[in-house]
Amino acid sequence: MAVESEHVCAEFPAVIALVEAGLSAAIVPELALPVGAHPGLQSVALPEFGVRHIGAVVTASPRPPPLVIEVLAAFTEAAADSV
């Protein structure tokens, strides 16, 4: 799945900062999730992704942006198809 991007980074703290600024959403290893107070973020479990425990980090809002919903649905569908 190809996704256009304006921001690309390889370090998890930078990825988390982009999400916190509302510029991105990210799929990261659970160990990369931020520790401590980050009121603007919430972690979404993605147990459908096999033996690794990964989750999505999205902005904490009552309704995630449509693209975030679409990407999470696509990942969930792909995981279901791989079983």
N, C-alpha and C. Protein backbone atom coordinates (compact mmCIF):
# COMPACT_ATOMS: atom_id res chain seq x y z
N MET A 1 0.85 -1.16 0.00
CA MET A 1 0.00 0.00 0.00
C MET A 1 0.90 1.24 0.00
N ALA A 2 0.80 2.06 -0.99
CA ALA A 2 1.58 3.28 -1.07
C ALA A 2 0.78 4.43 -0.49
N VAL A 3 1.45 5.24 0.33
CA VAL A 3 0.81 6.39 0.95
C VAL A 3 1.68 7.61 0.69
N GLU A 4 1.09 8.65 0.15
CA GLU A 4 1.85 9.89 -0.04
C GLU A 4 2.16 10.49 1.32
N SER A 5 3.33 11.11 1.43
CA SER A 5 3.70 11.71 2.72
C SER A 5 4.44 13.01 2.51
N GLU A 6 4.18 13.94 3.41
CA GLU A 6 4.91 15.20 3.41
C GLU A 6 6.07 15.14 4.39
N HIS A 7 5.94 14.27 5.41
CA HIS A 7 6.95 14.16 6.45
C HIS A 7 7.42 12.72 6.55
N VAL A 8 8.73 12.54 6.54
CA VAL A 8 9.29 11.21 6.68
C VAL A 8 10.39 11.28 7.73
N CYS A 9 10.36 10.36 8.69
CA CYS A 9 11.42 10.31 9.69
C CYS A 9 11.59 8.87 10.15
N ALA A 10 12.76 8.58 10.69
CA ALA A 10 13.08 7.21 11.08
C ALA A 10 13.20 7.04 12.59
N GLU A 11 13.18 8.09 13.35
CA GLU A 11 13.32 8.02 14.79
C GLU A 11 11.95 8.10 15.44
N PHE A 12 11.64 7.18 16.35
CA PHE A 12 10.32 7.15 16.95
C PHE A 12 9.94 8.43 17.70
N PRO A 13 10.83 9.08 18.44
CA PRO A 13 10.43 10.33 19.09
C PRO A 13 9.98 11.39 18.07
N ALA A 14 10.61 11.43 16.91
CA ALA A 14 10.19 12.37 15.87
C ALA A 14 8.84 11.98 15.31
N VAL A 15 8.62 10.69 15.12
CA VAL A 15 7.32 10.20 14.64
C VAL A 15 6.23 10.60 15.62
N ILE A 16 6.46 10.35 16.89
CA ILE A 16 5.48 10.69 17.93
C ILE A 16 5.23 12.20 17.95
N ALA A 17 6.27 13.00 17.79
CA ALA A 17 6.12 14.46 17.77
C ALA A 17 5.24 14.91 16.59
N LEU A 18 5.40 14.28 15.42
CA LEU A 18 4.55 14.61 14.28
C LEU A 18 3.09 14.27 14.56
N VAL A 19 2.85 13.14 15.19
CA VAL A 19 1.48 12.75 15.54
C VAL A 19 0.91 13.75 16.54
N GLU A 20 1.70 14.07 17.55
CA GLU A 20 1.24 14.99 18.60
C GLU A 20 0.93 16.37 18.03
N ALA A 21 1.65 16.76 16.99
CA ALA A 21 1.41 18.06 16.35
C ALA A 21 0.22 18.00 15.39
N GLY A 22 -0.38 16.81 15.23
CA GLY A 22 -1.53 16.68 14.34
C GLY A 22 -1.17 16.56 12.87
N LEU A 23 0.09 16.26 12.58
CA LEU A 23 0.55 16.18 11.20
C LEU A 23 0.59 14.76 10.65
N SER A 24 0.30 13.78 11.50
CA SER A 24 0.48 12.41 11.07
C SER A 24 -0.26 11.47 11.99
N ALA A 25 -0.31 10.21 11.60
CA ALA A 25 -0.67 9.09 12.46
C ALA A 25 0.44 8.08 12.24
N ALA A 26 0.64 7.15 13.16
CA ALA A 26 1.78 6.24 13.02
C ALA A 26 1.44 4.86 13.55
N ILE A 27 2.01 3.87 12.91
CA ILE A 27 1.99 2.49 13.40
C ILE A 27 3.40 2.25 13.95
N VAL A 28 3.50 2.00 15.25
CA VAL A 28 4.81 1.87 15.89
C VAL A 28 4.83 0.65 16.80
N PRO A 29 6.02 0.09 17.06
CA PRO A 29 6.11 -1.00 18.04
C PRO A 29 5.66 -0.48 19.41
N GLU A 30 5.07 -1.36 20.19
CA GLU A 30 4.57 -0.97 21.51
C GLU A 30 5.68 -0.35 22.37
N LEU A 31 6.90 -0.87 22.23
CA LEU A 31 8.02 -0.33 23.01
C LEU A 31 8.37 1.11 22.63
N ALA A 32 7.94 1.57 21.47
CA ALA A 32 8.23 2.94 21.03
C ALA A 32 7.16 3.93 21.50
N LEU A 33 6.07 3.43 22.09
CA LEU A 33 5.02 4.34 22.55
C LEU A 33 5.55 5.20 23.68
N PRO A 34 5.16 6.47 23.73
CA PRO A 34 5.68 7.37 24.74
C PRO A 34 5.24 6.99 26.15
N VAL A 35 6.15 7.21 27.09
CA VAL A 35 5.85 6.98 28.50
C VAL A 35 5.59 8.34 29.14
N GLY A 36 4.63 8.40 30.02
CA GLY A 36 4.34 9.66 30.70
C GLY A 36 3.15 10.37 30.10
N ALA A 37 2.96 11.59 30.53
CA ALA A 37 1.79 12.37 30.14
C ALA A 37 1.89 12.89 28.71
N HIS A 38 0.99 12.48 27.89
CA HIS A 38 0.84 12.98 26.53
C HIS A 38 -0.66 13.10 26.28
N PRO A 39 -1.30 14.14 26.86
CA PRO A 39 -2.75 14.25 26.79
C PRO A 39 -3.30 14.37 25.37
N GLY A 40 -2.49 14.75 24.41
CA GLY A 40 -2.96 14.90 23.04
C GLY A 40 -2.90 13.62 22.24
N LEU A 41 -2.46 12.52 22.86
CA LEU A 41 -2.31 11.24 22.15
C LEU A 41 -3.13 10.16 22.81
N GLN A 42 -3.50 9.18 22.02
CA GLN A 42 -4.08 7.96 22.57
C GLN A 42 -3.54 6.78 21.79
N SER A 43 -3.38 5.67 22.46
CA SER A 43 -2.89 4.45 21.83
C SER A 43 -4.09 3.58 21.48
N VAL A 44 -4.06 3.03 20.28
CA VAL A 44 -5.13 2.16 19.81
C VAL A 44 -4.53 0.77 19.58
N ALA A 45 -5.00 -0.22 20.32
CA ALA A 45 -4.47 -1.58 20.17
C ALA A 45 -4.84 -2.14 18.81
N LEU A 46 -3.91 -2.86 18.21
CA LEU A 46 -4.15 -3.54 16.93
C LEU A 46 -3.79 -5.02 17.10
N PRO A 47 -4.58 -5.77 17.87
CA PRO A 47 -4.22 -7.16 18.16
C PRO A 47 -4.28 -8.08 16.94
N GLU A 48 -4.86 -7.62 15.86
CA GLU A 48 -5.00 -8.44 14.66
C GLU A 48 -3.68 -8.64 13.92
N PHE A 49 -2.61 -8.03 14.37
CA PHE A 49 -1.36 -8.04 13.62
C PHE A 49 -0.38 -9.10 14.09
N GLY A 50 -0.86 -10.29 14.39
CA GLY A 50 0.03 -11.41 14.65
C GLY A 50 0.70 -11.39 16.00
N VAL A 51 1.91 -11.94 16.04
CA VAL A 51 2.58 -12.18 17.30
C VAL A 51 3.23 -10.93 17.89
N ARG A 52 3.54 -9.97 17.07
CA ARG A 52 4.09 -8.71 17.60
C ARG A 52 2.93 -7.87 18.10
N HIS A 53 3.14 -7.20 19.21
CA HIS A 53 2.12 -6.32 19.76
C HIS A 53 2.41 -4.91 19.27
N ILE A 54 1.61 -4.44 18.32
CA ILE A 54 1.78 -3.10 17.81
C ILE A 54 0.49 -2.33 17.99
N GLY A 55 0.59 -1.04 17.93
CA GLY A 55 -0.60 -0.21 18.05
C GLY A 55 -0.45 1.02 17.20
N ALA A 56 -1.54 1.71 17.04
CA ALA A 56 -1.54 2.95 16.28
C ALA A 56 -1.57 4.11 17.26
N VAL A 57 -0.87 5.17 16.94
CA VAL A 57 -0.92 6.39 17.73
C VAL A 57 -1.62 7.43 16.87
N VAL A 58 -2.71 7.95 17.39
CA VAL A 58 -3.50 8.96 16.68
C VAL A 58 -3.78 10.11 17.62
N THR A 59 -4.17 11.24 17.08
CA THR A 59 -4.52 12.36 17.95
C THR A 59 -5.73 11.99 18.78
N ALA A 60 -5.75 12.45 20.02
CA ALA A 60 -6.86 12.18 20.93
C ALA A 60 -8.01 13.12 20.58
N SER A 61 -8.93 12.63 19.81
CA SER A 61 -10.08 13.43 19.41
C SER A 61 -11.29 12.52 19.39
N PRO A 62 -12.48 13.10 19.55
CA PRO A 62 -13.67 12.26 19.54
C PRO A 62 -13.84 11.48 18.23
N ARG A 63 -13.36 12.06 17.15
CA ARG A 63 -13.50 11.42 15.85
C ARG A 63 -12.19 11.55 15.07
N PRO A 64 -11.47 10.42 14.87
CA PRO A 64 -10.23 10.51 14.10
C PRO A 64 -10.50 10.97 12.66
N PRO A 65 -9.50 11.57 12.02
CA PRO A 65 -9.67 11.98 10.62
C PRO A 65 -10.03 10.77 9.74
N PRO A 66 -10.81 10.99 8.69
CA PRO A 66 -11.24 9.89 7.82
C PRO A 66 -10.08 9.04 7.28
N LEU A 67 -8.96 9.66 6.93
CA LEU A 67 -7.83 8.90 6.41
C LEU A 67 -7.29 7.93 7.47
N VAL A 68 -7.25 8.37 8.72
CA VAL A 68 -6.78 7.49 9.80
C VAL A 68 -7.71 6.29 9.93
N ILE A 69 -9.01 6.53 9.90
CA ILE A 69 -9.98 5.44 9.98
C ILE A 69 -9.78 4.47 8.81
N GLU A 70 -9.57 5.01 7.62
CA GLU A 70 -9.39 4.19 6.41
C GLU A 70 -8.12 3.34 6.51
N VAL A 71 -7.02 3.95 6.96
CA VAL A 71 -5.75 3.22 7.06
C VAL A 71 -5.86 2.11 8.12
N LEU A 72 -6.44 2.42 9.28
CA LEU A 72 -6.59 1.40 10.31
C LEU A 72 -7.48 0.25 9.83
N ALA A 73 -8.53 0.57 9.10
CA ALA A 73 -9.42 -0.46 8.55
C ALA A 73 -8.66 -1.33 7.55
N ALA A 74 -7.82 -0.71 6.72
CA ALA A 74 -7.05 -1.46 5.73
C ALA A 74 -6.06 -2.40 6.42
N PHE A 75 -5.40 -1.93 7.48
CA PHE A 75 -4.49 -2.79 8.22
C PHE A 75 -5.23 -3.95 8.88
N THR A 76 -6.38 -3.66 9.46
CA THR A 76 -7.17 -4.71 10.11
C THR A 76 -7.63 -5.75 9.09
N GLU A 77 -8.05 -5.29 7.93
CA GLU A 77 -8.48 -6.19 6.86
C GLU A 77 -7.30 -7.05 6.38
N ALA A 78 -6.15 -6.42 6.20
CA ALA A 78 -4.95 -7.17 5.74
C ALA A 78 -4.56 -8.22 6.77
N ALA A 79 -4.65 -7.87 8.04
CA ALA A 79 -4.30 -8.84 9.10
C ALA A 79 -5.27 -10.01 9.11
N ALA A 80 -6.56 -9.73 8.91
CA ALA A 80 -7.57 -10.80 8.87
C ALA A 80 -7.33 -11.74 7.69
N ASP A 81 -6.90 -11.17 6.57
CA ASP A 81 -6.65 -11.97 5.37
C ASP A 81 -5.41 -12.84 5.50
N SER A 82 -4.50 -12.48 6.42
CA SER A 82 -3.24 -13.21 6.53
C SER A 82 -3.33 -14.38 7.48
N VAL A 83 -4.46 -14.58 8.12
CA VAL A 83 -4.61 -15.69 9.09
C VAL A 83 -4.92 -16.97 8.40
